[in-house]
């Protein structure tokens, strides 16, 4: 079933850190009116990088996650700078967080975070043919880099310190994409 989008009768906004909070006055096709809120990012988005050390091994990083106040295992990720392509941002973040560059970068798809109220988009980038290179990053401490076999994804997905949804989704997407190549 295809529905037409709600009519937006008005938008008010306020600044909220790295986002802008917008309040939308909406009218749905059945005549119902509601006020929705959404967070609009200020930048071009983010990248989630699946760095493949070899055909079966991905590199994970362990870093402090302030939102849950613990160290989390996950993929290399970060904001895109204005004017950067997803490939450029992925290569830069990979060098800053894991100490590797990539000769081959493939954008696999976009991922969203809570699309019912956030406009945040992350580009999923597969990085292969890695070589050592480190750039200074914005992390307050060097991140631990941990090789993980893709064939052991079932063990990883159940770990308490691996909870970020983008990282989990990205690994499954990348594994399936690689299997079809």
N, C-alpha and C. Protein backbone atom coordinates (compact mmCIF):
# COMPACT_ATOMS: atom_id res chain seq x y z
N UNK A 1 0.84 -1.18 0.00
CA UNK A 1 0.00 0.00 0.00
C UNK A 1 0.89 1.24 0.00
N UNK A 2 0.61 2.15 -0.91
CA UNK A 2 1.39 3.37 -1.02
C UNK A 2 0.55 4.54 -0.52
N UNK A 3 1.07 5.26 0.43
CA UNK A 3 0.37 6.41 0.98
C UNK A 3 1.09 7.68 0.59
N UNK A 4 0.32 8.74 0.45
CA UNK A 4 0.98 10.02 0.20
C UNK A 4 1.54 10.54 1.52
N UNK A 5 2.60 11.29 1.42
CA UNK A 5 3.24 11.83 2.61
C UNK A 5 2.33 12.84 3.31
N UNK A 6 2.44 12.96 4.62
CA UNK A 6 1.65 13.97 5.33
C UNK A 6 1.98 15.38 4.85
N UNK A 7 1.01 16.26 4.94
CA UNK A 7 1.21 17.67 4.61
C UNK A 7 1.86 18.33 5.82
N UNK A 8 2.93 19.07 5.57
CA UNK A 8 3.61 19.80 6.64
C UNK A 8 3.05 21.23 6.65
N UNK A 9 2.32 21.57 7.72
CA UNK A 9 1.71 22.90 7.83
C UNK A 9 2.66 23.92 8.44
N UNK A 10 3.68 23.45 9.12
CA UNK A 10 4.63 24.37 9.72
C UNK A 10 5.76 23.62 10.40
N UNK A 11 6.91 24.30 10.48
CA UNK A 11 8.09 23.74 11.15
C UNK A 11 8.67 24.83 12.04
N UNK A 12 8.91 24.49 13.30
CA UNK A 12 9.67 25.36 14.19
C UNK A 12 10.93 24.59 14.58
N UNK A 13 12.01 25.32 14.88
CA UNK A 13 13.25 24.62 15.19
C UNK A 13 14.03 25.34 16.27
N UNK A 14 14.93 24.57 16.90
CA UNK A 14 15.85 25.12 17.89
C UNK A 14 17.14 24.33 17.82
N UNK A 15 18.23 24.96 18.22
CA UNK A 15 19.54 24.31 18.19
C UNK A 15 19.64 23.31 19.33
N UNK A 16 20.24 22.15 19.04
CA UNK A 16 20.41 21.09 20.04
C UNK A 16 21.75 20.40 19.83
N UNK A 17 22.84 21.08 20.15
CA UNK A 17 24.18 20.49 19.99
C UNK A 17 24.49 20.24 18.53
N UNK A 18 24.91 19.01 18.19
CA UNK A 18 25.26 18.73 16.80
C UNK A 18 24.03 18.56 15.90
N UNK A 19 22.84 18.72 16.47
CA UNK A 19 21.60 18.56 15.72
C UNK A 19 20.75 19.82 15.83
N UNK A 20 19.75 19.89 14.99
CA UNK A 20 18.70 20.90 15.10
C UNK A 20 17.41 20.15 15.40
N UNK A 21 16.70 20.54 16.45
CA UNK A 21 15.43 19.91 16.80
C UNK A 21 14.33 20.64 16.04
N UNK A 22 13.58 19.89 15.24
CA UNK A 22 12.47 20.47 14.49
C UNK A 22 11.15 19.89 14.99
N UNK A 23 10.16 20.76 15.11
CA UNK A 23 8.80 20.33 15.44
C UNK A 23 7.94 20.55 14.20
N UNK A 24 7.32 19.48 13.73
CA UNK A 24 6.52 19.53 12.51
C UNK A 24 5.04 19.46 12.84
N UNK A 25 4.26 20.35 12.26
CA UNK A 25 2.81 20.32 12.36
C UNK A 25 2.33 19.57 11.12
N UNK A 26 1.86 18.32 11.31
CA UNK A 26 1.54 17.43 10.19
C UNK A 26 0.05 17.15 10.09
N UNK A 27 -0.38 16.95 8.84
CA UNK A 27 -1.73 16.48 8.58
C UNK A 27 -1.63 15.23 7.70
N UNK A 28 -2.18 14.12 8.20
CA UNK A 28 -2.13 12.85 7.48
C UNK A 28 -3.28 12.74 6.50
N UNK A 29 -3.19 11.79 5.59
CA UNK A 29 -4.18 11.65 4.51
C UNK A 29 -5.59 11.40 5.03
N UNK A 30 -5.74 10.91 6.27
CA UNK A 30 -7.07 10.68 6.84
C UNK A 30 -7.59 11.90 7.59
N UNK A 31 -6.86 13.01 7.51
CA UNK A 31 -7.30 14.25 8.16
C UNK A 31 -6.78 14.45 9.57
N UNK A 32 -6.17 13.44 10.16
CA UNK A 32 -5.62 13.57 11.51
C UNK A 32 -4.43 14.53 11.51
N UNK A 33 -4.36 15.39 12.53
CA UNK A 33 -3.25 16.33 12.69
C UNK A 33 -2.45 15.93 13.92
N UNK A 34 -1.14 15.95 13.79
CA UNK A 34 -0.24 15.63 14.88
C UNK A 34 1.00 16.53 14.80
N UNK A 35 1.67 16.62 15.94
CA UNK A 35 2.96 17.31 15.99
C UNK A 35 4.03 16.25 16.20
N UNK A 36 4.98 16.18 15.29
CA UNK A 36 6.10 15.25 15.40
C UNK A 36 7.37 16.07 15.63
N UNK A 37 8.36 15.44 16.27
CA UNK A 37 9.67 16.05 16.43
C UNK A 37 10.70 15.21 15.70
N UNK A 38 11.70 15.88 15.15
CA UNK A 38 12.80 15.16 14.51
C UNK A 38 14.11 15.90 14.76
N UNK A 39 15.19 15.11 14.79
CA UNK A 39 16.53 15.65 14.94
C UNK A 39 17.18 15.68 13.55
N UNK A 40 17.63 16.84 13.15
CA UNK A 40 18.24 17.02 11.83
C UNK A 40 19.73 17.24 12.04
N UNK A 41 20.58 16.38 11.47
CA UNK A 41 22.03 16.55 11.66
C UNK A 41 22.54 17.79 10.94
N UNK A 42 23.64 18.34 11.43
CA UNK A 42 24.22 19.54 10.82
C UNK A 42 25.23 19.23 9.72
N UNK A 43 25.68 17.99 9.65
CA UNK A 43 26.72 17.68 8.68
C UNK A 43 26.22 16.75 7.59
N UNK A 44 27.15 16.31 6.74
CA UNK A 44 26.77 15.45 5.61
C UNK A 44 26.48 14.00 5.99
N UNK A 45 26.67 13.64 7.23
CA UNK A 45 26.41 12.26 7.65
C UNK A 45 27.64 11.64 8.28
N UNK A 46 27.66 10.31 8.27
CA UNK A 46 28.74 9.58 8.91
C UNK A 46 29.09 8.35 8.07
N UNK A 47 30.18 7.71 8.45
CA UNK A 47 30.58 6.45 7.82
C UNK A 47 30.73 5.38 8.88
N UNK A 48 30.41 4.16 8.49
CA UNK A 48 30.68 2.96 9.27
C UNK A 48 31.55 2.11 8.37
N UNK A 49 32.74 1.78 8.83
CA UNK A 49 33.73 1.12 7.99
C UNK A 49 33.92 -0.33 8.42
N UNK A 50 33.85 -1.24 7.45
CA UNK A 50 34.15 -2.65 7.70
C UNK A 50 35.54 -2.90 7.10
N UNK A 51 36.60 -2.79 7.92
CA UNK A 51 37.96 -2.98 7.42
C UNK A 51 38.34 -4.46 7.42
N UNK A 52 38.62 -5.00 6.25
CA UNK A 52 38.95 -6.42 6.11
C UNK A 52 40.47 -6.57 6.06
N UNK A 53 41.02 -7.18 7.10
CA UNK A 53 42.46 -7.44 7.16
C UNK A 53 42.85 -8.47 6.11
N UNK A 54 41.99 -9.48 5.95
CA UNK A 54 42.12 -10.47 4.89
C UNK A 54 40.71 -10.90 4.52
N UNK A 55 40.56 -11.91 3.68
CA UNK A 55 39.23 -12.30 3.19
C UNK A 55 38.26 -12.71 4.29
N UNK A 56 38.77 -13.15 5.44
CA UNK A 56 37.87 -13.62 6.50
C UNK A 56 37.99 -12.91 7.83
N UNK A 57 38.81 -11.84 7.88
CA UNK A 57 39.07 -11.18 9.16
C UNK A 57 38.77 -9.69 9.09
N UNK A 58 37.90 -9.24 9.98
CA UNK A 58 37.56 -7.83 10.08
C UNK A 58 38.31 -7.23 11.27
N UNK A 59 38.61 -5.95 11.20
CA UNK A 59 39.24 -5.25 12.32
C UNK A 59 38.17 -4.49 13.09
N UNK A 60 38.11 -4.74 14.39
CA UNK A 60 37.21 -4.02 15.29
C UNK A 60 38.04 -3.10 16.16
N UNK A 61 37.40 -2.08 16.73
CA UNK A 61 38.08 -1.20 17.67
C UNK A 61 37.29 -1.17 18.97
N UNK A 62 38.04 -1.01 20.06
CA UNK A 62 37.41 -0.88 21.38
C UNK A 62 37.63 0.57 21.81
N UNK A 63 36.51 1.26 22.09
CA UNK A 63 36.62 2.65 22.53
C UNK A 63 35.58 2.96 23.58
N UNK A 64 35.85 4.03 24.33
CA UNK A 64 34.92 4.45 25.37
C UNK A 64 33.64 4.97 24.74
N UNK A 65 32.50 4.50 25.24
CA UNK A 65 31.18 4.93 24.77
C UNK A 65 30.49 5.68 25.90
N UNK A 66 30.46 6.99 25.82
CA UNK A 66 29.91 7.82 26.90
C UNK A 66 28.42 7.55 27.12
N UNK A 67 27.69 7.23 26.05
CA UNK A 67 26.25 7.00 26.18
C UNK A 67 25.89 5.87 27.11
N UNK A 68 26.74 4.85 27.18
CA UNK A 68 26.48 3.70 28.06
C UNK A 68 27.55 3.56 29.15
N UNK A 69 28.51 4.49 29.18
CA UNK A 69 29.57 4.55 30.18
C UNK A 69 30.32 3.23 30.32
N UNK A 70 30.83 2.74 29.20
CA UNK A 70 31.66 1.54 29.20
C UNK A 70 32.47 1.52 27.91
N UNK A 71 33.42 0.61 27.85
CA UNK A 71 34.17 0.41 26.61
C UNK A 71 33.38 -0.54 25.73
N UNK A 72 33.24 -0.16 24.46
CA UNK A 72 32.46 -0.93 23.49
C UNK A 72 33.36 -1.38 22.35
N UNK A 73 33.09 -2.56 21.88
CA UNK A 73 33.73 -3.11 20.70
C UNK A 73 32.84 -2.77 19.51
N UNK A 74 33.42 -2.32 18.42
CA UNK A 74 32.62 -1.98 17.25
C UNK A 74 33.50 -1.73 16.05
N UNK A 75 32.88 -1.25 15.01
CA UNK A 75 33.59 -0.93 13.78
C UNK A 75 34.14 0.50 13.84
N UNK A 76 35.05 0.79 12.96
CA UNK A 76 35.54 2.15 12.77
C UNK A 76 34.35 2.98 12.26
N UNK A 77 34.16 4.16 12.85
CA UNK A 77 33.06 5.01 12.40
C UNK A 77 33.36 6.45 12.76
N UNK A 78 32.67 7.36 12.10
CA UNK A 78 32.85 8.77 12.41
C UNK A 78 32.10 9.66 11.45
N UNK A 79 32.08 10.93 11.78
CA UNK A 79 31.40 11.93 10.95
C UNK A 79 32.17 12.20 9.67
N UNK A 80 31.41 12.49 8.65
CA UNK A 80 32.00 12.95 7.39
C UNK A 80 32.25 14.45 7.51
N UNK A 81 33.38 14.91 7.02
CA UNK A 81 33.65 16.34 6.98
C UNK A 81 32.95 16.94 5.76
N UNK A 82 32.59 18.22 5.81
CA UNK A 82 31.97 18.85 4.64
C UNK A 82 32.85 18.69 3.40
N UNK A 83 32.23 18.28 2.30
CA UNK A 83 32.95 18.10 1.04
C UNK A 83 33.57 16.72 0.86
N UNK A 84 33.60 15.90 1.90
CA UNK A 84 34.16 14.55 1.79
C UNK A 84 33.15 13.59 1.17
N UNK A 85 33.66 12.66 0.37
CA UNK A 85 32.84 11.55 -0.10
C UNK A 85 32.85 10.49 1.00
N UNK A 86 31.91 9.54 0.95
CA UNK A 86 31.96 8.45 1.92
C UNK A 86 33.29 7.69 1.88
N UNK A 87 33.84 7.50 0.69
CA UNK A 87 35.12 6.79 0.58
C UNK A 87 36.25 7.56 1.26
N UNK A 88 36.31 8.87 1.04
CA UNK A 88 37.35 9.69 1.66
C UNK A 88 37.22 9.70 3.18
N UNK A 89 35.99 9.84 3.66
CA UNK A 89 35.77 9.85 5.11
C UNK A 89 36.13 8.50 5.72
N UNK A 90 35.76 7.42 5.03
CA UNK A 90 36.07 6.07 5.54
C UNK A 90 37.58 5.86 5.64
N UNK A 91 38.31 6.26 4.61
CA UNK A 91 39.77 6.08 4.62
C UNK A 91 40.41 6.92 5.73
N UNK A 92 39.94 8.15 5.91
CA UNK A 92 40.48 9.01 6.96
C UNK A 92 40.19 8.43 8.35
N UNK A 93 38.92 8.04 8.59
CA UNK A 93 38.56 7.47 9.89
C UNK A 93 39.34 6.18 10.18
N UNK A 94 39.54 5.36 9.16
CA UNK A 94 40.28 4.12 9.31
C UNK A 94 41.72 4.41 9.74
N UNK A 95 42.33 5.42 9.14
CA UNK A 95 43.70 5.80 9.51
C UNK A 95 43.76 6.38 10.91
N UNK A 96 42.75 7.17 11.29
CA UNK A 96 42.74 7.79 12.62
C UNK A 96 42.46 6.78 13.73
N UNK A 97 41.52 5.88 13.50
CA UNK A 97 41.08 4.99 14.59
C UNK A 97 41.82 3.66 14.64
N UNK A 98 42.18 3.11 13.48
CA UNK A 98 42.77 1.77 13.47
C UNK A 98 44.22 1.74 12.99
N UNK A 99 44.71 2.85 12.43
CA UNK A 99 46.09 2.88 11.96
C UNK A 99 46.30 2.18 10.62
N UNK A 100 45.26 2.15 9.79
CA UNK A 100 45.35 1.54 8.46
C UNK A 100 44.69 2.45 7.43
N UNK A 101 45.21 2.39 6.20
CA UNK A 101 44.55 2.96 5.04
C UNK A 101 44.04 1.81 4.20
N UNK A 102 43.24 2.14 3.19
CA UNK A 102 42.68 1.10 2.32
C UNK A 102 42.88 1.49 0.86
N UNK A 103 43.34 0.55 0.07
CA UNK A 103 43.48 0.78 -1.36
C UNK A 103 42.17 0.55 -2.12
N UNK A 104 41.26 -0.19 -1.48
CA UNK A 104 39.99 -0.50 -2.12
C UNK A 104 38.85 -0.19 -1.15
N UNK A 105 37.97 0.70 -1.56
CA UNK A 105 36.83 1.11 -0.74
C UNK A 105 35.56 0.98 -1.56
N UNK A 106 34.59 0.23 -1.05
CA UNK A 106 33.31 0.04 -1.72
C UNK A 106 32.19 0.53 -0.82
N UNK A 107 31.39 1.46 -1.30
CA UNK A 107 30.21 1.91 -0.56
C UNK A 107 29.12 0.88 -0.82
N UNK A 108 28.64 0.24 0.26
CA UNK A 108 27.65 -0.82 0.11
C UNK A 108 26.21 -0.30 0.20
N UNK A 109 25.95 0.63 1.10
CA UNK A 109 24.59 1.16 1.24
C UNK A 109 24.54 2.22 2.33
N UNK A 110 23.38 2.83 2.51
CA UNK A 110 23.15 3.75 3.62
C UNK A 110 22.44 3.01 4.75
N UNK A 111 22.73 3.42 5.97
CA UNK A 111 22.03 2.94 7.16
C UNK A 111 21.45 4.16 7.87
N UNK A 112 20.29 4.00 8.48
CA UNK A 112 19.71 5.09 9.26
C UNK A 112 19.67 4.70 10.72
N UNK A 113 19.58 5.71 11.57
CA UNK A 113 19.40 5.52 13.01
C UNK A 113 18.04 6.07 13.37
N UNK A 114 17.21 5.29 13.95
CA UNK A 114 15.90 5.72 14.42
C UNK A 114 15.23 6.66 13.41
N UNK A 115 14.93 6.17 12.19
CA UNK A 115 14.41 7.06 11.15
C UNK A 115 13.05 7.67 11.45
N UNK A 116 12.35 7.17 12.47
CA UNK A 116 11.07 7.77 12.82
C UNK A 116 11.24 9.17 13.42
N UNK A 117 12.44 9.48 13.95
CA UNK A 117 12.62 10.85 14.44
C UNK A 117 14.03 11.41 14.26
N UNK A 118 14.89 10.72 13.52
CA UNK A 118 16.22 11.25 13.26
C UNK A 118 16.53 11.16 11.77
N UNK A 119 17.15 12.21 11.24
CA UNK A 119 17.54 12.22 9.85
C UNK A 119 18.98 11.78 9.62
N UNK A 120 19.60 11.18 10.63
CA UNK A 120 21.01 10.78 10.53
C UNK A 120 21.21 9.63 9.54
N UNK A 121 22.18 9.79 8.64
CA UNK A 121 22.51 8.75 7.66
C UNK A 121 23.96 8.36 7.83
N UNK A 122 24.22 7.06 7.85
CA UNK A 122 25.58 6.53 7.87
C UNK A 122 25.80 5.73 6.60
N UNK A 123 26.92 5.95 5.97
CA UNK A 123 27.30 5.21 4.78
C UNK A 123 28.12 4.00 5.21
N UNK A 124 27.73 2.83 4.77
CA UNK A 124 28.45 1.59 5.06
C UNK A 124 29.50 1.40 3.98
N UNK A 125 30.77 1.37 4.39
CA UNK A 125 31.89 1.28 3.45
C UNK A 125 32.74 0.06 3.80
N UNK A 126 32.96 -0.79 2.80
CA UNK A 126 33.84 -1.95 2.94
C UNK A 126 35.24 -1.52 2.52
N UNK A 127 36.22 -1.74 3.41
CA UNK A 127 37.61 -1.35 3.15
C UNK A 127 38.46 -2.61 3.03
N UNK A 128 39.17 -2.71 1.89
CA UNK A 128 40.03 -3.89 1.66
C UNK A 128 41.39 -3.44 1.15
N UNK A 129 42.29 -4.42 1.07
CA UNK A 129 43.67 -4.16 0.66
C UNK A 129 44.27 -3.09 1.59
N UNK A 130 44.30 -3.41 2.87
CA UNK A 130 44.76 -2.48 3.89
C UNK A 130 46.28 -2.38 3.93
N UNK A 131 46.76 -1.22 4.37
CA UNK A 131 48.19 -0.99 4.58
C UNK A 131 48.33 -0.11 5.82
N UNK A 132 49.43 -0.26 6.58
CA UNK A 132 49.60 0.54 7.80
C UNK A 132 49.79 2.03 7.49
N UNK A 133 48.99 2.86 8.11
CA UNK A 133 49.16 4.31 8.07
C UNK A 133 48.28 4.92 9.15
N UNK A 134 48.88 5.77 9.96
CA UNK A 134 48.14 6.38 11.06
C UNK A 134 48.08 7.89 10.87
N UNK A 135 46.87 8.44 11.09
CA UNK A 135 46.67 9.88 11.14
C UNK A 135 46.24 10.24 12.56
N UNK A 136 46.58 11.45 13.01
CA UNK A 136 46.09 11.85 14.34
C UNK A 136 44.57 12.00 14.29
N UNK A 137 43.91 11.50 15.31
CA UNK A 137 42.46 11.58 15.37
C UNK A 137 42.01 12.43 16.55
N UNK A 138 40.71 12.43 16.80
CA UNK A 138 40.17 13.22 17.90
C UNK A 138 39.89 12.39 19.15
N UNK A 139 40.28 11.11 19.13
CA UNK A 139 40.08 10.26 20.30
C UNK A 139 41.08 10.65 21.40
N UNK A 140 40.65 10.63 22.66
CA UNK A 140 41.54 11.02 23.75
C UNK A 140 42.58 9.96 24.09
N UNK A 141 42.42 8.74 23.57
CA UNK A 141 43.37 7.67 23.81
C UNK A 141 43.42 6.79 22.56
N UNK A 142 44.56 6.11 22.37
CA UNK A 142 44.67 5.21 21.23
C UNK A 142 43.67 4.06 21.40
N UNK A 143 43.00 3.72 20.31
CA UNK A 143 41.99 2.67 20.37
C UNK A 143 42.64 1.31 20.19
N UNK A 144 42.14 0.33 20.93
CA UNK A 144 42.60 -1.04 20.79
C UNK A 144 42.00 -1.61 19.50
N UNK A 145 42.82 -2.22 18.67
CA UNK A 145 42.38 -2.82 17.41
C UNK A 145 42.38 -4.34 17.58
N UNK A 146 41.23 -4.95 17.28
CA UNK A 146 41.05 -6.38 17.52
C UNK A 146 40.62 -7.08 16.23
N UNK A 147 41.43 -8.00 15.71
CA UNK A 147 41.00 -8.78 14.54
C UNK A 147 39.92 -9.78 14.96
N UNK A 148 38.90 -9.95 14.12
CA UNK A 148 37.80 -10.88 14.42
C UNK A 148 37.42 -11.63 13.15
N UNK A 149 37.31 -12.93 13.25
CA UNK A 149 36.93 -13.76 12.10
C UNK A 149 35.44 -13.59 11.81
N UNK A 150 35.12 -13.33 10.56
CA UNK A 150 33.71 -13.19 10.17
C UNK A 150 32.92 -14.47 10.42
N UNK A 151 33.59 -15.61 10.33
CA UNK A 151 32.90 -16.88 10.58
C UNK A 151 32.47 -17.03 12.04
N UNK A 152 32.99 -16.15 12.92
CA UNK A 152 32.60 -16.16 14.33
C UNK A 152 31.69 -14.98 14.67
N UNK A 153 30.96 -14.49 13.68
CA UNK A 153 30.03 -13.40 13.89
C UNK A 153 28.94 -13.76 14.90
N UNK A 154 28.57 -15.03 14.93
CA UNK A 154 27.55 -15.47 15.89
C UNK A 154 28.02 -15.29 17.34
N UNK A 155 29.31 -15.46 17.60
CA UNK A 155 29.85 -15.22 18.96
C UNK A 155 29.90 -13.73 19.27
N UNK A 156 30.27 -12.94 18.27
CA UNK A 156 30.40 -11.50 18.46
C UNK A 156 29.05 -10.86 18.76
N UNK A 157 28.02 -11.26 18.03
CA UNK A 157 26.72 -10.60 18.16
C UNK A 157 26.09 -10.80 19.53
N UNK A 158 26.55 -11.76 20.30
CA UNK A 158 26.00 -12.02 21.63
C UNK A 158 26.83 -11.41 22.77
N UNK A 159 27.93 -10.79 22.44
CA UNK A 159 28.77 -10.17 23.48
C UNK A 159 28.10 -8.92 24.03
N UNK A 160 28.19 -8.74 25.34
CA UNK A 160 27.60 -7.56 25.97
C UNK A 160 28.31 -6.27 25.57
N UNK A 161 29.60 -6.35 25.25
CA UNK A 161 30.35 -5.15 24.89
C UNK A 161 30.33 -4.87 23.39
N UNK A 162 29.45 -5.53 22.66
CA UNK A 162 29.26 -5.28 21.23
C UNK A 162 27.76 -5.05 21.00
N UNK A 163 27.31 -3.82 21.22
CA UNK A 163 25.87 -3.57 21.21
C UNK A 163 25.41 -2.54 20.19
N UNK A 164 26.34 -1.90 19.51
CA UNK A 164 25.94 -0.84 18.59
C UNK A 164 25.28 -1.42 17.34
N UNK A 165 24.06 -1.02 17.07
CA UNK A 165 23.27 -1.58 15.99
C UNK A 165 23.88 -1.38 14.61
N UNK A 166 24.50 -0.22 14.35
CA UNK A 166 25.11 -0.01 13.03
C UNK A 166 26.24 -0.99 12.78
N UNK A 167 27.06 -1.24 13.80
CA UNK A 167 28.18 -2.18 13.63
C UNK A 167 27.66 -3.59 13.35
N UNK A 168 26.67 -4.00 14.11
CA UNK A 168 26.10 -5.34 13.91
C UNK A 168 25.49 -5.48 12.52
N UNK A 169 24.65 -4.52 12.14
CA UNK A 169 24.03 -4.57 10.82
C UNK A 169 25.08 -4.53 9.71
N UNK A 170 26.08 -3.68 9.86
CA UNK A 170 27.12 -3.54 8.84
C UNK A 170 27.88 -4.84 8.62
N UNK A 171 28.17 -5.57 9.69
CA UNK A 171 28.90 -6.83 9.54
C UNK A 171 28.07 -7.87 8.79
N UNK A 172 26.79 -7.94 9.08
CA UNK A 172 25.93 -8.88 8.36
C UNK A 172 25.80 -8.50 6.88
N UNK A 173 25.62 -7.22 6.60
CA UNK A 173 25.52 -6.76 5.21
C UNK A 173 26.83 -7.05 4.47
N UNK A 174 27.96 -6.71 5.09
CA UNK A 174 29.26 -6.93 4.44
C UNK A 174 29.52 -8.41 4.21
N UNK A 175 29.21 -9.24 5.19
CA UNK A 175 29.43 -10.68 5.03
C UNK A 175 28.62 -11.22 3.84
N UNK A 176 27.37 -10.82 3.73
CA UNK A 176 26.54 -11.29 2.61
C UNK A 176 27.04 -10.73 1.28
N UNK A 177 27.44 -9.47 1.27
CA UNK A 177 27.95 -8.84 0.04
C UNK A 177 29.22 -9.56 -0.42
N UNK A 178 30.13 -9.85 0.51
CA UNK A 178 31.37 -10.54 0.17
C UNK A 178 31.10 -11.96 -0.34
N UNK A 179 30.13 -12.64 0.24
CA UNK A 179 29.81 -14.01 -0.17
C UNK A 179 29.29 -14.05 -1.60
N UNK A 180 28.70 -12.96 -2.07
CA UNK A 180 28.14 -12.91 -3.43
C UNK A 180 29.15 -12.46 -4.47
N UNK A 181 30.32 -12.02 -4.03
CA UNK A 181 31.34 -11.53 -4.98
C UNK A 181 32.11 -12.67 -5.60
